[in-house]
């Protein structure tokens, strides 16, 4: 895992076309902004995991 330190309004690039910006800092949380092409899906991890479970269930039903 790569760990970086960033400050408010600074960003990190992922590849050539995904930018993650530190939008707000609070005591216990960080608000992130994402700039990415429309064909890139961005989800919180818990949402992504739910999507993966649904896909696995549909695949299981199809077999």
C-alpha atoms as a PDB file:
ATOM      1  CA  UNK A   1       0.000   0.000   0.000  1.00  0.00           C
ATOM      2  CA  UNK A   2       1.267   3.434  -0.921  1.00  0.00           C
ATOM      3  CA  UNK A   3       0.702   6.022   1.832  1.00  0.00           C
ATOM      4  CA  UNK A   4       0.907   9.721   0.961  1.00  0.00           C
ATOM      5  CA  UNK A   5       0.488  12.880   2.986  1.00  0.00           C
ATOM      6  CA  UNK A   6      -1.616  15.589   1.375  1.00  0.00           C
ATOM      7  CA  UNK A   7      -3.044  18.840   2.654  1.00  0.00           C
ATOM      8  CA  UNK A   8      -6.282  20.685   1.937  1.00  0.00           C
ATOM      9  CA  UNK A   9      -6.769  21.430  -1.753  1.00  0.00           C
ATOM     10  CA  UNK A  10      -3.852  19.199  -2.800  1.00  0.00           C
ATOM     11  CA  UNK A  11      -4.362  16.205  -5.046  1.00  0.00           C
ATOM     12  CA  UNK A  12      -3.053  12.839  -6.154  1.00  0.00           C
ATOM     13  CA  UNK A  13      -3.095  11.532  -9.724  1.00  0.00           C
ATOM     14  CA  UNK A  14      -3.968   7.921 -10.524  1.00  0.00           C
ATOM     15  CA  UNK A  15      -2.754   7.147 -13.994  1.00  0.00           C
ATOM     16  CA  UNK A  16      -3.103   9.968 -16.495  1.00  0.00           C
ATOM     17  CA  UNK A  17      -6.748  10.899 -16.065  1.00  0.00           C
ATOM     18  CA  UNK A  18      -7.948  10.290 -12.487  1.00  0.00           C
ATOM     19  CA  UNK A  19      -7.382  13.027  -9.916  1.00  0.00           C
ATOM     20  CA  UNK A  20      -8.265  12.734  -6.222  1.00  0.00           C
ATOM     21  CA  UNK A  21      -8.501  16.110  -4.447  1.00  0.00           C
ATOM     22  CA  UNK A  22      -8.595  16.764  -0.689  1.00  0.00           C
ATOM     23  CA  UNK A  23     -11.721  18.921  -0.494  1.00  0.00           C
ATOM     24  CA  UNK A  24     -12.254  19.159   3.259  1.00  0.00           C
ATOM     25  CA  UNK A  25     -10.447  18.041   6.401  1.00  0.00           C
ATOM     26  CA  UNK A  26     -12.166  17.466   9.737  1.00  0.00           C
ATOM     27  CA  UNK A  27     -10.857  16.038  12.974  1.00  0.00           C
ATOM     28  CA  UNK A  28     -11.867  12.456  12.113  1.00  0.00           C
ATOM     29  CA  UNK A  29     -12.655  12.522   8.409  1.00  0.00           C
ATOM     30  CA  UNK A  30     -11.515  13.648   5.001  1.00  0.00           C
ATOM     31  CA  UNK A  31     -13.768  14.697   2.129  1.00  0.00           C
ATOM     32  CA  UNK A  32     -12.383  13.668  -1.236  1.00  0.00           C
ATOM     33  CA  UNK A  33     -13.267  14.917  -4.692  1.00  0.00           C
ATOM     34  CA  UNK A  34     -12.736  12.739  -7.755  1.00  0.00           C
ATOM     35  CA  UNK A  35     -12.137  13.908 -11.305  1.00  0.00           C
ATOM     36  CA  UNK A  36     -12.311  10.988 -13.715  1.00  0.00           C
ATOM     37  CA  UNK A  37     -13.657  10.097 -17.148  1.00  0.00           C
ATOM     38  CA  UNK A  38     -17.357   9.218 -17.250  1.00  0.00           C
ATOM     39  CA  UNK A  39     -16.559   5.573 -18.021  1.00  0.00           C
ATOM     40  CA  UNK A  40     -14.729   5.133 -14.680  1.00  0.00           C
ATOM     41  CA  UNK A  41     -17.007   4.036 -11.837  1.00  0.00           C
ATOM     42  CA  UNK A  42     -16.160   5.326  -8.383  1.00  0.00           C
ATOM     43  CA  UNK A  43     -17.767   3.830  -5.268  1.00  0.00           C
ATOM     44  CA  UNK A  44     -17.155   3.763  -1.543  1.00  0.00           C
ATOM     45  CA  UNK A  45     -15.698   0.345  -0.696  1.00  0.00           C
ATOM     46  CA  UNK A  46     -18.815  -0.890   1.117  1.00  0.00           C
ATOM     47  CA  UNK A  47     -20.945  -0.036  -1.937  1.00  0.00           C
ATOM     48  CA  UNK A  48     -18.456  -1.734  -4.269  1.00  0.00           C
ATOM     49  CA  UNK A  49     -18.519  -4.870  -2.079  1.00  0.00           C
ATOM     50  CA  UNK A  50     -22.333  -4.957  -2.229  1.00  0.00           C
ATOM     51  CA  UNK A  51     -22.200  -4.653  -6.026  1.00  0.00           C
ATOM     52  CA  UNK A  52     -19.690  -7.516  -6.178  1.00  0.00           C
ATOM     53  CA  UNK A  53     -21.932  -9.711  -3.982  1.00  0.00           C
ATOM     54  CA  UNK A  54     -24.920  -8.995  -6.244  1.00  0.00           C
ATOM     55  CA  UNK A  55     -22.869  -9.875  -9.334  1.00  0.00           C
ATOM     56  CA  UNK A  56     -21.715 -13.137  -7.730  1.00  0.00           C
ATOM     57  CA  UNK A  57     -25.308 -14.054  -6.809  1.00  0.00           C
ATOM     58  CA  UNK A  58     -26.516 -13.355 -10.355  1.00  0.00           C
ATOM     59  CA  UNK A  59     -23.661 -15.427 -11.794  1.00  0.00           C
ATOM     60  CA  UNK A  60     -24.529 -18.274  -9.423  1.00  0.00           C
ATOM     61  CA  UNK A  61     -28.212 -18.135 -10.468  1.00  0.00           C
ATOM     62  CA  UNK A  62     -27.250 -18.159 -14.159  1.00  0.00           C
ATOM     63  CA  UNK A  63     -25.363 -21.451 -13.814  1.00  0.00           C
END
